[in-house]
């Protein structure tokens, strides 16, 4: 199984990186940096592919908000607070919030959608989004490249000690789930 996964990453790494960068990002960028470290990817191509994917993903979210404002507000009622926070952040910090939004866990997709529902310039959003994607992809991939050996050692250690790590991971995930479950139940 491991050999199959490594083979897929070597054969289709740039495609996987592009798609991963559209959807989420950081894990894919770290993977790309490690693959650059092992010489299975080229640094500048990996950065370009990740930049394009990250840029395109946020542009998609922006235009989802721009073209479907009423639908977005109706379907994402549970996210109303995040939309309000994103709008407040845009008013307070302007272009800076667009630049740093890809580092804001839980708001990464909401902020571009929220900005899309406003009258903010699509051209300005695209320029700032592109510059942010370049910095995001470059910094993350280069750091993962530099620390590639250490990352590989951690992965190797985790693989060899999975019997100990897996139960801890499962218990942690169950605890987090129960915490949020009871927290939302208490609010009702």
N, C-alpha and C. Protein backbone atom coordinates (compact mmCIF):
# COMPACT_ATOMS: atom_id res chain seq x y z
N UNK A 1 0.82 -1.19 0.00
CA UNK A 1 0.00 0.00 0.00
C UNK A 1 0.87 1.27 0.00
N UNK A 2 1.90 1.25 0.86
CA UNK A 2 2.79 2.39 0.95
C UNK A 2 3.51 2.63 -0.38
N UNK A 3 3.95 1.55 -1.01
CA UNK A 3 4.65 1.66 -2.30
C UNK A 3 3.72 2.21 -3.38
N UNK A 4 2.45 1.80 -3.33
CA UNK A 4 1.47 2.31 -4.29
C UNK A 4 1.29 3.82 -4.11
N UNK A 5 1.15 4.27 -2.87
CA UNK A 5 0.97 5.69 -2.58
C UNK A 5 2.19 6.50 -3.03
N UNK A 6 3.37 6.01 -2.72
CA UNK A 6 4.60 6.70 -3.14
C UNK A 6 4.70 6.74 -4.66
N UNK A 7 4.33 5.64 -5.31
CA UNK A 7 4.34 5.60 -6.77
C UNK A 7 3.37 6.61 -7.38
N UNK A 8 2.18 6.72 -6.80
CA UNK A 8 1.20 7.70 -7.29
C UNK A 8 1.71 9.12 -7.11
N UNK A 9 2.33 9.38 -5.96
CA UNK A 9 2.87 10.72 -5.72
C UNK A 9 4.00 11.05 -6.69
N UNK A 10 4.83 10.07 -7.00
CA UNK A 10 5.92 10.31 -7.95
C UNK A 10 5.40 10.52 -9.37
N UNK A 11 4.37 9.74 -9.74
CA UNK A 11 3.84 9.83 -11.10
C UNK A 11 2.91 11.02 -11.30
N UNK A 12 2.09 11.31 -10.29
CA UNK A 12 1.05 12.34 -10.43
C UNK A 12 1.18 13.44 -9.38
N UNK A 13 2.37 13.62 -8.85
CA UNK A 13 2.59 14.57 -7.76
C UNK A 13 2.14 15.98 -8.06
N UNK A 14 2.43 16.48 -9.24
CA UNK A 14 2.06 17.87 -9.56
C UNK A 14 0.55 18.02 -9.68
N UNK A 15 -0.11 17.02 -10.23
CA UNK A 15 -1.58 17.07 -10.35
C UNK A 15 -2.21 17.02 -8.96
N UNK A 16 -1.70 16.10 -8.10
CA UNK A 16 -2.21 16.00 -6.73
C UNK A 16 -1.97 17.31 -5.99
N UNK A 17 -0.79 17.88 -6.15
CA UNK A 17 -0.46 19.16 -5.50
C UNK A 17 -1.40 20.26 -5.95
N UNK A 18 -1.67 20.34 -7.23
CA UNK A 18 -2.57 21.36 -7.77
C UNK A 18 -3.96 21.23 -7.17
N UNK A 19 -4.52 20.02 -7.20
CA UNK A 19 -5.87 19.80 -6.67
C UNK A 19 -5.91 20.04 -5.17
N UNK A 20 -4.89 19.57 -4.45
CA UNK A 20 -4.83 19.75 -3.00
C UNK A 20 -4.73 21.24 -2.65
N UNK A 21 -4.00 22.00 -3.45
CA UNK A 21 -3.85 23.43 -3.20
C UNK A 21 -5.15 24.18 -3.43
N UNK A 22 -5.97 23.71 -4.34
CA UNK A 22 -7.28 24.32 -4.56
C UNK A 22 -8.15 24.11 -3.32
N UNK A 23 -8.12 22.90 -2.78
CA UNK A 23 -9.03 22.55 -1.69
C UNK A 23 -8.53 22.95 -0.31
N UNK A 24 -7.33 22.58 0.04
CA UNK A 24 -6.85 22.79 1.41
C UNK A 24 -5.48 23.42 1.40
N UNK A 25 -4.48 22.65 1.11
CA UNK A 25 -3.20 23.26 0.88
C UNK A 25 -2.02 22.83 1.69
N UNK A 26 -1.94 23.20 2.98
CA UNK A 26 -0.69 23.09 3.70
C UNK A 26 -0.09 21.69 3.70
N UNK A 27 -0.91 20.68 3.91
CA UNK A 27 -0.40 19.31 3.91
C UNK A 27 0.19 18.96 2.55
N UNK A 28 -0.48 19.37 1.50
CA UNK A 28 0.02 19.13 0.15
C UNK A 28 1.33 19.87 -0.12
N UNK A 29 1.43 21.08 0.43
CA UNK A 29 2.65 21.85 0.23
C UNK A 29 3.83 21.22 0.98
N UNK A 30 3.56 20.73 2.17
CA UNK A 30 4.62 20.04 2.93
C UNK A 30 5.05 18.79 2.16
N UNK A 31 4.06 18.04 1.65
CA UNK A 31 4.37 16.85 0.84
C UNK A 31 5.25 17.23 -0.34
N UNK A 32 4.91 18.33 -1.01
CA UNK A 32 5.69 18.77 -2.17
C UNK A 32 7.11 19.17 -1.74
N UNK A 33 7.24 19.86 -0.63
CA UNK A 33 8.57 20.24 -0.15
C UNK A 33 9.44 19.04 0.15
N UNK A 34 8.84 18.02 0.75
CA UNK A 34 9.59 16.79 1.03
C UNK A 34 9.96 16.10 -0.27
N UNK A 35 9.05 16.10 -1.25
CA UNK A 35 9.36 15.48 -2.54
C UNK A 35 10.44 16.27 -3.29
N UNK A 36 10.49 17.57 -3.10
CA UNK A 36 11.59 18.36 -3.66
C UNK A 36 12.89 17.94 -2.96
N UNK A 37 12.81 17.74 -1.65
CA UNK A 37 13.98 17.31 -0.88
C UNK A 37 14.51 15.96 -1.38
N UNK A 38 13.60 15.04 -1.71
CA UNK A 38 14.00 13.72 -2.20
C UNK A 38 14.25 13.71 -3.70
N UNK A 39 14.16 14.89 -4.33
CA UNK A 39 14.39 15.09 -5.76
C UNK A 39 13.37 14.40 -6.65
N UNK A 40 12.16 14.19 -6.13
CA UNK A 40 11.06 13.64 -6.93
C UNK A 40 10.23 14.75 -7.56
N UNK A 41 10.45 15.99 -7.15
CA UNK A 41 9.81 17.17 -7.74
C UNK A 41 10.87 18.25 -7.88
N UNK A 42 10.58 19.20 -8.75
CA UNK A 42 11.47 20.35 -8.92
C UNK A 42 10.88 21.53 -8.15
N UNK A 43 11.73 22.26 -7.43
CA UNK A 43 11.30 23.32 -6.53
C UNK A 43 10.42 24.36 -7.21
N UNK A 44 10.90 24.95 -8.29
CA UNK A 44 10.16 26.06 -8.90
C UNK A 44 8.87 25.61 -9.56
N UNK A 45 8.86 24.41 -10.10
CA UNK A 45 7.61 23.89 -10.68
C UNK A 45 6.60 23.63 -9.57
N UNK A 46 7.05 23.04 -8.45
CA UNK A 46 6.15 22.77 -7.32
C UNK A 46 5.56 24.08 -6.79
N UNK A 47 6.39 25.10 -6.65
CA UNK A 47 5.90 26.40 -6.17
C UNK A 47 4.89 26.99 -7.15
N UNK A 48 5.19 26.91 -8.44
CA UNK A 48 4.28 27.45 -9.45
C UNK A 48 2.94 26.71 -9.44
N UNK A 49 2.97 25.40 -9.36
CA UNK A 49 1.74 24.60 -9.36
C UNK A 49 0.91 24.90 -8.11
N UNK A 50 1.56 24.96 -6.95
CA UNK A 50 0.85 25.26 -5.71
C UNK A 50 0.29 26.68 -5.71
N UNK A 51 1.06 27.62 -6.23
CA UNK A 51 0.59 29.00 -6.33
C UNK A 51 -0.66 29.06 -7.19
N UNK A 52 -0.62 28.43 -8.34
CA UNK A 52 -1.77 28.43 -9.24
C UNK A 52 -2.98 27.78 -8.59
N UNK A 53 -2.79 26.65 -7.92
CA UNK A 53 -3.90 25.97 -7.25
C UNK A 53 -4.50 26.80 -6.13
N UNK A 54 -3.64 27.37 -5.28
CA UNK A 54 -4.13 28.20 -4.18
C UNK A 54 -4.86 29.44 -4.68
N UNK A 55 -4.29 30.07 -5.70
CA UNK A 55 -4.93 31.25 -6.30
C UNK A 55 -6.28 30.89 -6.88
N UNK A 56 -6.32 29.82 -7.67
CA UNK A 56 -7.57 29.41 -8.32
C UNK A 56 -8.64 29.05 -7.29
N UNK A 57 -8.25 28.34 -6.23
CA UNK A 57 -9.21 27.95 -5.21
C UNK A 57 -9.88 29.16 -4.58
N UNK A 58 -9.10 30.16 -4.21
CA UNK A 58 -9.70 31.34 -3.58
C UNK A 58 -10.49 32.18 -4.57
N UNK A 59 -10.08 32.17 -5.84
CA UNK A 59 -10.87 32.86 -6.86
C UNK A 59 -12.23 32.18 -7.03
N UNK A 60 -12.26 30.86 -6.98
CA UNK A 60 -13.52 30.12 -7.08
C UNK A 60 -14.43 30.50 -5.91
N UNK A 61 -13.88 30.52 -4.69
CA UNK A 61 -14.69 30.89 -3.52
C UNK A 61 -15.19 32.33 -3.63
N UNK A 62 -14.33 33.23 -4.11
CA UNK A 62 -14.73 34.63 -4.28
C UNK A 62 -15.91 34.73 -5.25
N UNK A 63 -15.80 34.06 -6.39
CA UNK A 63 -16.87 34.17 -7.38
C UNK A 63 -18.12 33.38 -6.99
N UNK A 64 -17.98 32.37 -6.15
CA UNK A 64 -19.17 31.72 -5.59
C UNK A 64 -19.97 32.73 -4.78
N UNK A 65 -19.25 33.53 -3.99
CA UNK A 65 -19.92 34.58 -3.22
C UNK A 65 -20.45 35.69 -4.10
N UNK A 66 -19.70 36.07 -5.11
CA UNK A 66 -20.10 37.18 -5.98
C UNK A 66 -21.33 36.83 -6.82
N UNK A 67 -21.39 35.62 -7.33
CA UNK A 67 -22.46 35.24 -8.25
C UNK A 67 -23.65 34.58 -7.57
N UNK A 68 -23.50 34.18 -6.32
CA UNK A 68 -24.57 33.44 -5.64
C UNK A 68 -24.81 33.98 -4.23
N UNK A 69 -24.85 35.27 -4.08
CA UNK A 69 -24.94 35.89 -2.76
C UNK A 69 -26.11 35.36 -1.94
N UNK A 70 -27.30 35.39 -2.48
CA UNK A 70 -28.49 34.95 -1.73
C UNK A 70 -28.42 33.46 -1.42
N UNK A 71 -27.98 32.68 -2.38
CA UNK A 71 -27.88 31.23 -2.18
C UNK A 71 -26.86 30.90 -1.09
N UNK A 72 -25.72 31.59 -1.12
CA UNK A 72 -24.66 31.36 -0.14
C UNK A 72 -25.18 31.69 1.26
N UNK A 73 -25.83 32.84 1.41
CA UNK A 73 -26.34 33.21 2.73
C UNK A 73 -27.42 32.25 3.21
N UNK A 74 -28.22 31.75 2.29
CA UNK A 74 -29.29 30.81 2.66
C UNK A 74 -28.71 29.44 3.05
N UNK A 75 -27.80 28.92 2.25
CA UNK A 75 -27.25 27.58 2.49
C UNK A 75 -26.24 27.53 3.63
N UNK A 76 -25.57 28.63 3.88
CA UNK A 76 -24.54 28.63 4.91
C UNK A 76 -24.99 29.41 6.15
N UNK A 77 -26.23 29.23 6.55
CA UNK A 77 -26.75 29.92 7.73
C UNK A 77 -25.94 29.61 8.97
N UNK A 78 -25.47 28.39 9.08
CA UNK A 78 -24.69 28.01 10.27
C UNK A 78 -23.35 28.74 10.31
N UNK A 79 -22.94 29.32 9.22
CA UNK A 79 -21.66 30.03 9.14
C UNK A 79 -21.83 31.55 9.23
N UNK A 80 -23.03 32.00 9.63
CA UNK A 80 -23.32 33.44 9.66
C UNK A 80 -22.31 34.24 10.48
N UNK A 81 -21.92 33.70 11.62
CA UNK A 81 -20.95 34.42 12.47
C UNK A 81 -19.61 34.57 11.76
N UNK A 82 -19.19 33.52 11.07
CA UNK A 82 -17.93 33.61 10.35
C UNK A 82 -18.01 34.61 9.20
N UNK A 83 -19.17 34.67 8.52
CA UNK A 83 -19.35 35.65 7.45
C UNK A 83 -19.30 37.06 8.03
N UNK A 84 -19.96 37.26 9.16
CA UNK A 84 -19.94 38.58 9.79
C UNK A 84 -18.53 38.95 10.22
N UNK A 85 -17.81 38.00 10.81
CA UNK A 85 -16.42 38.24 11.22
C UNK A 85 -15.56 38.59 10.01
N UNK A 86 -15.73 37.85 8.92
CA UNK A 86 -14.95 38.12 7.71
C UNK A 86 -15.22 39.52 7.18
N UNK A 87 -16.47 39.94 7.19
CA UNK A 87 -16.82 41.27 6.72
C UNK A 87 -16.22 42.35 7.63
N UNK A 88 -16.29 42.12 8.93
CA UNK A 88 -15.68 43.07 9.87
C UNK A 88 -14.16 43.15 9.69
N UNK A 89 -13.53 42.00 9.51
CA UNK A 89 -12.08 41.98 9.29
C UNK A 89 -11.72 42.73 8.01
N UNK A 90 -12.52 42.56 6.96
CA UNK A 90 -12.26 43.27 5.70
C UNK A 90 -12.38 44.78 5.91
N UNK A 91 -13.41 45.20 6.61
CA UNK A 91 -13.59 46.64 6.87
C UNK A 91 -12.45 47.21 7.70
N UNK A 92 -12.00 46.43 8.69
CA UNK A 92 -10.97 46.93 9.60
C UNK A 92 -9.57 46.89 8.98
N UNK A 93 -9.24 45.79 8.29
CA UNK A 93 -7.87 45.60 7.81
C UNK A 93 -7.72 45.73 6.30
N UNK A 94 -8.81 45.77 5.57
CA UNK A 94 -8.74 45.94 4.12
C UNK A 94 -8.00 44.81 3.42
N UNK A 95 -7.10 45.20 2.53
CA UNK A 95 -6.39 44.23 1.68
C UNK A 95 -5.57 43.24 2.50
N UNK A 96 -5.12 43.63 3.69
CA UNK A 96 -4.28 42.75 4.50
C UNK A 96 -5.00 41.45 4.86
N UNK A 97 -6.30 41.53 5.12
CA UNK A 97 -7.05 40.32 5.47
C UNK A 97 -7.10 39.36 4.28
N UNK A 98 -7.14 39.88 3.08
CA UNK A 98 -7.12 39.03 1.89
C UNK A 98 -5.77 38.33 1.79
N UNK A 99 -4.71 39.05 2.12
CA UNK A 99 -3.36 38.49 2.03
C UNK A 99 -3.14 37.37 3.05
N UNK A 100 -3.63 37.53 4.27
CA UNK A 100 -3.36 36.56 5.33
C UNK A 100 -4.46 35.52 5.52
N UNK A 101 -5.58 35.65 4.84
CA UNK A 101 -6.72 34.76 5.08
C UNK A 101 -6.40 33.28 4.86
N UNK A 102 -5.47 32.96 4.01
CA UNK A 102 -5.17 31.55 3.76
C UNK A 102 -4.45 30.89 4.93
N UNK A 103 -4.04 31.69 5.91
CA UNK A 103 -3.41 31.16 7.12
C UNK A 103 -4.40 31.08 8.29
N UNK A 104 -5.62 31.50 8.08
CA UNK A 104 -6.61 31.59 9.16
C UNK A 104 -7.50 30.34 9.15
N UNK A 105 -7.18 29.42 10.03
CA UNK A 105 -7.91 28.16 10.11
C UNK A 105 -9.39 28.42 10.39
N UNK A 106 -10.24 27.75 9.65
CA UNK A 106 -11.68 27.89 9.83
C UNK A 106 -12.30 29.02 9.05
N UNK A 107 -11.47 29.91 8.52
CA UNK A 107 -11.99 31.06 7.77
C UNK A 107 -11.47 31.09 6.33
N UNK A 108 -10.65 30.14 6.00
CA UNK A 108 -9.98 30.18 4.70
C UNK A 108 -10.94 30.20 3.52
N UNK A 109 -12.02 29.46 3.58
CA UNK A 109 -12.98 29.48 2.47
C UNK A 109 -14.06 30.53 2.69
N UNK A 110 -14.34 30.84 3.94
CA UNK A 110 -15.39 31.80 4.25
C UNK A 110 -14.99 33.22 3.84
N UNK A 111 -13.75 33.61 4.10
CA UNK A 111 -13.34 34.98 3.81
C UNK A 111 -13.45 35.31 2.32
N UNK A 112 -12.91 34.49 1.40
CA UNK A 112 -13.09 34.85 -0.01
C UNK A 112 -14.57 34.88 -0.43
N UNK A 113 -15.37 33.93 0.09
CA UNK A 113 -16.81 33.96 -0.24
C UNK A 113 -17.46 35.21 0.30
N UNK A 114 -17.14 35.55 1.53
CA UNK A 114 -17.71 36.74 2.15
C UNK A 114 -17.32 38.00 1.39
N UNK A 115 -16.06 38.10 1.02
CA UNK A 115 -15.61 39.26 0.26
C UNK A 115 -16.30 39.30 -1.09
N UNK A 116 -16.53 38.14 -1.67
CA UNK A 116 -17.25 38.07 -2.94
C UNK A 116 -18.66 38.63 -2.85
N UNK A 117 -19.29 38.52 -1.69
CA UNK A 117 -20.66 39.03 -1.53
C UNK A 117 -20.70 40.54 -1.34
N UNK A 118 -19.53 41.16 -1.14
CA UNK A 118 -19.47 42.62 -0.99
C UNK A 118 -19.21 43.27 -2.34
N UNK A 119 -19.01 44.56 -2.32
CA UNK A 119 -18.70 45.31 -3.54
C UNK A 119 -17.19 45.45 -3.76
N UNK A 120 -16.41 44.66 -3.05
CA UNK A 120 -14.95 44.75 -3.17
C UNK A 120 -14.53 44.45 -4.61
N UNK A 121 -13.57 45.17 -5.09
CA UNK A 121 -13.10 45.04 -6.47
C UNK A 121 -12.56 43.63 -6.76
N UNK A 122 -13.10 42.99 -7.78
CA UNK A 122 -12.65 41.65 -8.16
C UNK A 122 -11.20 41.70 -8.65
N UNK A 123 -10.83 42.77 -9.32
CA UNK A 123 -9.45 42.93 -9.81
C UNK A 123 -8.47 43.04 -8.65
N UNK A 124 -8.79 43.89 -7.66
CA UNK A 124 -7.92 44.04 -6.50
C UNK A 124 -7.82 42.75 -5.72
N UNK A 125 -8.95 42.05 -5.57
CA UNK A 125 -8.93 40.77 -4.86
C UNK A 125 -7.99 39.80 -5.58
N UNK A 126 -8.09 39.72 -6.90
CA UNK A 126 -7.26 38.79 -7.67
C UNK A 126 -5.78 39.11 -7.52
N UNK A 127 -5.41 40.38 -7.56
CA UNK A 127 -4.00 40.77 -7.43
C UNK A 127 -3.46 40.39 -6.06
N UNK A 128 -4.19 40.77 -5.01
CA UNK A 128 -3.74 40.47 -3.64
C UNK A 128 -3.74 38.96 -3.41
N UNK A 129 -4.75 38.28 -3.92
CA UNK A 129 -4.84 36.82 -3.78
C UNK A 129 -3.65 36.15 -4.45
N UNK A 130 -3.27 36.61 -5.63
CA UNK A 130 -2.13 36.02 -6.34
C UNK A 130 -0.83 36.21 -5.55
N UNK A 131 -0.60 37.43 -5.08
CA UNK A 131 0.62 37.70 -4.31
C UNK A 131 0.66 36.85 -3.04
N UNK A 132 -0.48 36.72 -2.39
CA UNK A 132 -0.57 35.89 -1.19
C UNK A 132 -0.29 34.43 -1.50
N UNK A 133 -0.81 33.95 -2.62
CA UNK A 133 -0.58 32.55 -3.01
C UNK A 133 0.90 32.29 -3.30
N UNK A 134 1.58 33.25 -3.91
CA UNK A 134 3.02 33.10 -4.18
C UNK A 134 3.80 32.98 -2.88
N UNK A 135 3.53 33.87 -1.93
CA UNK A 135 4.24 33.84 -0.65
C UNK A 135 3.92 32.55 0.10
N UNK A 136 2.65 32.19 0.14
CA UNK A 136 2.18 30.98 0.84
C UNK A 136 2.86 29.72 0.29
N UNK A 137 2.82 29.56 -1.02
CA UNK A 137 3.41 28.37 -1.64
C UNK A 137 4.93 28.36 -1.47
N UNK A 138 5.57 29.49 -1.72
CA UNK A 138 7.03 29.56 -1.62
C UNK A 138 7.52 29.27 -0.21
N UNK A 139 6.95 29.96 0.76
CA UNK A 139 7.41 29.80 2.14
C UNK A 139 7.21 28.37 2.64
N UNK A 140 6.04 27.81 2.40
CA UNK A 140 5.75 26.48 2.93
C UNK A 140 6.58 25.40 2.24
N UNK A 141 6.66 25.44 0.93
CA UNK A 141 7.41 24.42 0.20
C UNK A 141 8.91 24.52 0.50
N UNK A 142 9.44 25.73 0.55
CA UNK A 142 10.87 25.90 0.82
C UNK A 142 11.20 25.43 2.24
N UNK A 143 10.36 25.76 3.21
CA UNK A 143 10.62 25.28 4.58
C UNK A 143 10.56 23.76 4.66
N UNK A 144 9.57 23.16 3.99
CA UNK A 144 9.47 21.69 3.99
C UNK A 144 10.66 21.07 3.26
N UNK A 145 11.15 21.73 2.23
CA UNK A 145 12.34 21.27 1.52
C UNK A 145 13.56 21.31 2.44
N UNK A 146 13.74 22.43 3.15
CA UNK A 146 14.89 22.59 4.05
C UNK A 146 14.85 21.56 5.18
N UNK A 147 13.65 21.34 5.74
CA UNK A 147 13.51 20.40 6.85
C UNK A 147 13.01 19.03 6.39
N UNK A 148 13.24 18.71 5.14
CA UNK A 148 12.77 17.45 4.56
C UNK A 148 13.26 16.22 5.29
N UNK A 149 14.53 16.21 5.66
CA UNK A 149 15.08 15.03 6.35
C UNK A 149 14.42 14.84 7.71
N UNK A 150 14.21 15.93 8.43
CA UNK A 150 13.55 15.84 9.74
C UNK A 150 12.11 15.37 9.60
N UNK A 151 11.41 15.86 8.59
CA UNK A 151 10.03 15.44 8.36
C UNK A 151 9.99 13.95 8.03
N UNK A 152 10.90 13.50 7.20
CA UNK A 152 10.95 12.08 6.85
C UNK A 152 11.25 11.22 8.09
N UNK A 153 12.10 11.71 8.97
CA UNK A 153 12.39 10.96 10.20
C UNK A 153 11.15 10.86 11.09
N UNK A 154 10.38 11.95 11.18
CA UNK A 154 9.15 11.93 11.98
C UNK A 154 8.15 10.94 11.38
N UNK A 155 8.00 10.97 10.06
CA UNK A 155 7.08 10.04 9.39
C UNK A 155 7.54 8.60 9.62
N UNK A 156 8.82 8.35 9.49
CA UNK A 156 9.36 7.00 9.71
C UNK A 156 9.12 6.55 11.15
N UNK A 157 9.35 7.44 12.10
CA UNK A 157 9.12 7.12 13.51
C UNK A 157 7.64 6.81 13.75
N UNK A 158 6.77 7.65 13.21
CA UNK A 158 5.33 7.44 13.39
C UNK A 158 4.89 6.12 12.78
N UNK A 159 5.44 5.80 11.60
CA UNK A 159 5.09 4.54 10.94
C UNK A 159 5.52 3.36 11.79
N UNK A 160 6.70 3.42 12.38
CA UNK A 160 7.21 2.32 13.20
C UNK A 160 6.54 2.22 14.57
N UNK A 161 5.91 3.29 15.02
CA UNK A 161 5.28 3.29 16.33
C UNK A 161 3.77 3.52 16.23
N UNK A 162 3.21 3.14 15.11
CA UNK A 162 1.78 3.34 14.85
C UNK A 162 0.92 2.66 15.90
N UNK A 163 1.35 1.52 16.40
CA UNK A 163 0.56 0.79 17.39
C UNK A 163 0.37 1.62 18.67
N UNK A 164 1.30 2.54 18.95
CA UNK A 164 1.18 3.41 20.12
C UNK A 164 0.50 4.73 19.78
N UNK A 165 0.79 5.23 18.60
CA UNK A 165 0.29 6.54 18.19
C UNK A 165 -1.18 6.49 17.80
N UNK A 166 -1.61 5.44 17.13
CA UNK A 166 -2.98 5.34 16.64
C UNK A 166 -4.02 5.44 17.76
N UNK A 167 -3.90 4.69 18.85
CA UNK A 167 -4.90 4.82 19.92
C UNK A 167 -4.95 6.23 20.51
N UNK A 168 -3.80 6.86 20.65
CA UNK A 168 -3.76 8.23 21.17
C UNK A 168 -4.46 9.18 20.21
N UNK A 169 -4.19 9.00 18.93
CA UNK A 169 -4.83 9.83 17.91
C UNK A 169 -6.34 9.63 17.91
N UNK A 170 -6.78 8.38 17.95
CA UNK A 170 -8.22 8.09 17.96
C UNK A 170 -8.88 8.68 19.20
N UNK A 171 -8.28 8.51 20.36
CA UNK A 171 -8.84 9.07 21.59
C UNK A 171 -8.89 10.60 21.54
N UNK A 172 -7.88 11.21 20.97
CA UNK A 172 -7.86 12.66 20.83
C UNK A 172 -8.99 13.13 19.92
N UNK A 173 -9.17 12.47 18.78
CA UNK A 173 -10.24 12.84 17.85
C UNK A 173 -11.62 12.64 18.47
N UNK A 174 -11.80 11.55 19.19
CA UNK A 174 -13.08 11.30 19.86
C UNK A 174 -13.33 12.37 20.92
N UNK A 175 -12.31 12.73 21.66
CA UNK A 175 -12.45 13.77 22.69
C UNK A 175 -12.83 15.11 22.08
N UNK A 176 -12.20 15.47 20.99
CA UNK A 176 -12.52 16.72 20.30
C UNK A 176 -13.96 16.69 19.80
N UNK A 177 -14.34 15.58 19.19
CA UNK A 177 -15.71 15.44 18.68
C UNK A 177 -16.72 15.59 19.82
N UNK A 178 -16.49 14.89 20.92
CA UNK A 178 -17.42 14.94 22.06
C UNK A 178 -17.48 16.35 22.66
N UNK A 179 -16.34 17.01 22.73
CA UNK A 179 -16.31 18.37 23.26
C UNK A 179 -17.21 19.28 22.43
N UNK A 180 -17.03 19.27 21.12
CA UNK A 180 -17.82 20.15 20.27
C UNK A 180 -19.28 19.71 20.21
N UNK A 181 -19.51 18.41 20.28
CA UNK A 181 -20.89 17.91 20.28
C UNK A 181 -21.65 18.43 21.49
N UNK A 182 -21.04 18.30 22.67
CA UNK A 182 -21.71 18.76 23.88
C UNK A 182 -21.77 20.28 23.98
N UNK A 183 -20.79 20.93 23.42
CA UNK A 183 -20.77 22.39 23.43
C UNK A 183 -21.92 22.95 22.58
N UNK A 184 -22.13 22.36 21.40
CA UNK A 184 -23.24 22.83 20.56
C UNK A 184 -24.58 22.40 21.12
N UNK A 185 -24.63 21.26 21.76
CA UNK A 185 -25.87 20.78 22.38
C UNK A 185 -26.24 21.68 23.55
N UNK A 186 -25.25 22.16 24.29
CA UNK A 186 -25.48 23.04 25.43
C UNK A 186 -26.02 24.39 24.99
N UNK A 187 -25.58 24.89 23.82
CA UNK A 187 -26.06 26.17 23.30
C UNK A 187 -27.54 26.14 22.97
N UNK A 188 -28.02 24.97 22.54
CA UNK A 188 -29.43 24.84 22.16
C UNK A 188 -30.27 24.88 23.39
